[in-house]
Amino acid sequence: MDIVRIIIAIFIPPLGVFLQVGLGGHFWLNILLTLFGYVPGLVHAIWVIAKK
């Protein structure tokens, strides 16, 4: 299931984080990072998904 989340995170990073942790702090941080740039949001999303 993590592979599916990572593939989703490649296209929409906040959605991948949401599927992993829900509406927690990591989700809102990822929204902010994605607004600053796609790459920071992507890196954070993959980190959150791989960490669990």
N, C-alpha and C. Protein backbone atom coordinates (compact mmCIF):
# COMPACT_ATOMS: atom_id res chain seq x y z
N MET A 1 0.81 -1.19 0.00
CA MET A 1 0.00 0.00 0.00
C MET A 1 0.86 1.27 0.00
N ASP A 2 2.07 1.18 0.57
CA ASP A 2 2.95 2.35 0.57
C ASP A 2 3.35 2.76 -0.84
N ILE A 3 3.49 1.80 -1.74
CA ILE A 3 3.84 2.13 -3.12
C ILE A 3 2.75 2.98 -3.75
N VAL A 4 1.50 2.65 -3.49
CA VAL A 4 0.38 3.43 -4.04
C VAL A 4 0.41 4.85 -3.46
N ARG A 5 0.67 4.98 -2.17
CA ARG A 5 0.74 6.31 -1.55
C ARG A 5 1.89 7.13 -2.13
N ILE A 6 3.02 6.50 -2.38
CA ILE A 6 4.16 7.22 -2.95
C ILE A 6 3.84 7.67 -4.37
N ILE A 7 3.19 6.83 -5.15
CA ILE A 7 2.80 7.22 -6.51
C ILE A 7 1.83 8.39 -6.47
N ILE A 8 0.87 8.34 -5.55
CA ILE A 8 -0.08 9.46 -5.39
C ILE A 8 0.67 10.71 -4.96
N ALA A 9 1.64 10.56 -4.06
CA ALA A 9 2.41 11.71 -3.56
C ALA A 9 3.24 12.36 -4.66
N ILE A 10 3.65 11.59 -5.64
CA ILE A 10 4.43 12.16 -6.75
C ILE A 10 3.57 13.17 -7.51
N PHE A 11 2.29 12.88 -7.66
CA PHE A 11 1.41 13.78 -8.40
C PHE A 11 0.80 14.86 -7.51
N ILE A 12 0.37 14.49 -6.30
CA ILE A 12 -0.25 15.44 -5.37
C ILE A 12 0.31 15.14 -3.97
N PRO A 13 1.42 15.78 -3.59
CA PRO A 13 2.06 15.47 -2.31
C PRO A 13 1.14 15.54 -1.09
N PRO A 14 0.29 16.57 -0.94
CA PRO A 14 -0.55 16.61 0.27
C PRO A 14 -1.53 15.43 0.35
N LEU A 15 -1.99 14.95 -0.77
CA LEU A 15 -2.92 13.81 -0.75
C LEU A 15 -2.22 12.55 -0.24
N GLY A 16 -0.99 12.34 -0.66
CA GLY A 16 -0.24 11.19 -0.15
C GLY A 16 -0.03 11.25 1.35
N VAL A 17 0.26 12.44 1.86
CA VAL A 17 0.43 12.61 3.31
C VAL A 17 -0.91 12.43 4.02
N PHE A 18 -1.96 12.96 3.46
CA PHE A 18 -3.29 12.81 4.06
C PHE A 18 -3.67 11.33 4.18
N LEU A 19 -3.41 10.55 3.15
CA LEU A 19 -3.73 9.12 3.19
C LEU A 19 -2.92 8.39 4.25
N GLN A 20 -1.74 8.91 4.57
CA GLN A 20 -0.89 8.26 5.57
C GLN A 20 -1.23 8.68 7.00
N VAL A 21 -1.40 9.98 7.24
CA VAL A 21 -1.54 10.47 8.62
C VAL A 21 -2.85 11.20 8.90
N GLY A 22 -3.65 11.49 7.92
CA GLY A 22 -4.90 12.22 8.14
C GLY A 22 -4.66 13.72 8.22
N LEU A 23 -5.54 14.42 8.92
CA LEU A 23 -5.47 15.89 9.00
C LEU A 23 -4.61 16.35 10.17
N GLY A 24 -3.46 15.75 10.35
CA GLY A 24 -2.55 16.13 11.43
C GLY A 24 -1.60 17.24 11.02
N GLY A 25 -0.63 17.46 11.86
CA GLY A 25 0.36 18.51 11.62
C GLY A 25 1.19 18.28 10.38
N HIS A 26 1.51 17.02 10.08
CA HIS A 26 2.30 16.73 8.88
C HIS A 26 1.55 17.12 7.61
N PHE A 27 0.24 16.94 7.61
CA PHE A 27 -0.56 17.31 6.45
C PHE A 27 -0.47 18.81 6.19
N TRP A 28 -0.68 19.60 7.25
CA TRP A 28 -0.66 21.06 7.07
C TRP A 28 0.73 21.57 6.73
N LEU A 29 1.76 20.94 7.31
CA LEU A 29 3.12 21.31 6.96
C LEU A 29 3.39 21.00 5.49
N ASN A 30 2.87 19.88 5.02
CA ASN A 30 3.07 19.52 3.62
C ASN A 30 2.35 20.48 2.68
N ILE A 31 1.16 20.93 3.07
CA ILE A 31 0.45 21.94 2.27
C ILE A 31 1.32 23.19 2.14
N LEU A 32 1.87 23.64 3.26
CA LEU A 32 2.72 24.83 3.26
C LEU A 32 3.96 24.63 2.40
N LEU A 33 4.63 23.49 2.56
CA LEU A 33 5.84 23.22 1.76
C LEU A 33 5.51 23.13 0.28
N THR A 34 4.38 22.54 -0.06
CA THR A 34 4.01 22.42 -1.46
C THR A 34 3.70 23.80 -2.05
N LEU A 35 3.14 24.69 -1.26
CA LEU A 35 2.88 26.04 -1.74
C LEU A 35 4.19 26.79 -2.01
N PHE A 36 5.22 26.51 -1.20
CA PHE A 36 6.52 27.14 -1.42
C PHE A 36 7.25 26.55 -2.62
N GLY A 37 6.92 25.34 -2.97
CA GLY A 37 7.55 24.70 -4.12
C GLY A 37 7.19 23.22 -4.15
N TYR A 38 7.09 22.69 -5.32
CA TYR A 38 6.69 21.29 -5.48
C TYR A 38 7.69 20.33 -4.85
N VAL A 39 8.98 20.59 -5.04
CA VAL A 39 10.02 19.66 -4.58
C VAL A 39 10.05 19.54 -3.05
N PRO A 40 10.01 20.63 -2.27
CA PRO A 40 9.98 20.46 -0.82
C PRO A 40 8.76 19.67 -0.34
N GLY A 41 7.61 19.89 -0.95
CA GLY A 41 6.42 19.14 -0.59
C GLY A 41 6.55 17.68 -0.95
N LEU A 42 7.15 17.39 -2.08
CA LEU A 42 7.35 16.00 -2.51
C LEU A 42 8.32 15.27 -1.59
N VAL A 43 9.41 15.91 -1.25
CA VAL A 43 10.40 15.28 -0.36
C VAL A 43 9.78 15.00 1.01
N HIS A 44 9.04 15.96 1.54
CA HIS A 44 8.40 15.77 2.83
C HIS A 44 7.37 14.64 2.76
N ALA A 45 6.59 14.60 1.70
CA ALA A 45 5.57 13.55 1.56
C ALA A 45 6.20 12.17 1.52
N ILE A 46 7.25 12.01 0.76
CA ILE A 46 7.91 10.70 0.67
C ILE A 46 8.55 10.34 2.01
N TRP A 47 9.09 11.33 2.71
CA TRP A 47 9.67 11.08 4.01
C TRP A 47 8.61 10.61 5.01
N VAL A 48 7.46 11.27 5.03
CA VAL A 48 6.39 10.89 5.95
C VAL A 48 5.88 9.48 5.63
N ILE A 49 5.69 9.17 4.36
CA ILE A 49 5.19 7.86 3.97
C ILE A 49 6.19 6.78 4.29
N ALA A 50 7.46 7.02 4.03
CA ALA A 50 8.49 5.99 4.27
C ALA A 50 8.78 5.80 5.75
N LYS A 51 8.54 6.84 6.56
CA LYS A 51 8.84 6.77 7.99
C LYS A 51 7.91 5.80 8.71
N LYS A 52 6.69 5.70 8.30
CA LYS A 52 5.69 4.86 9.01
C LYS A 52 5.84 3.40 8.69
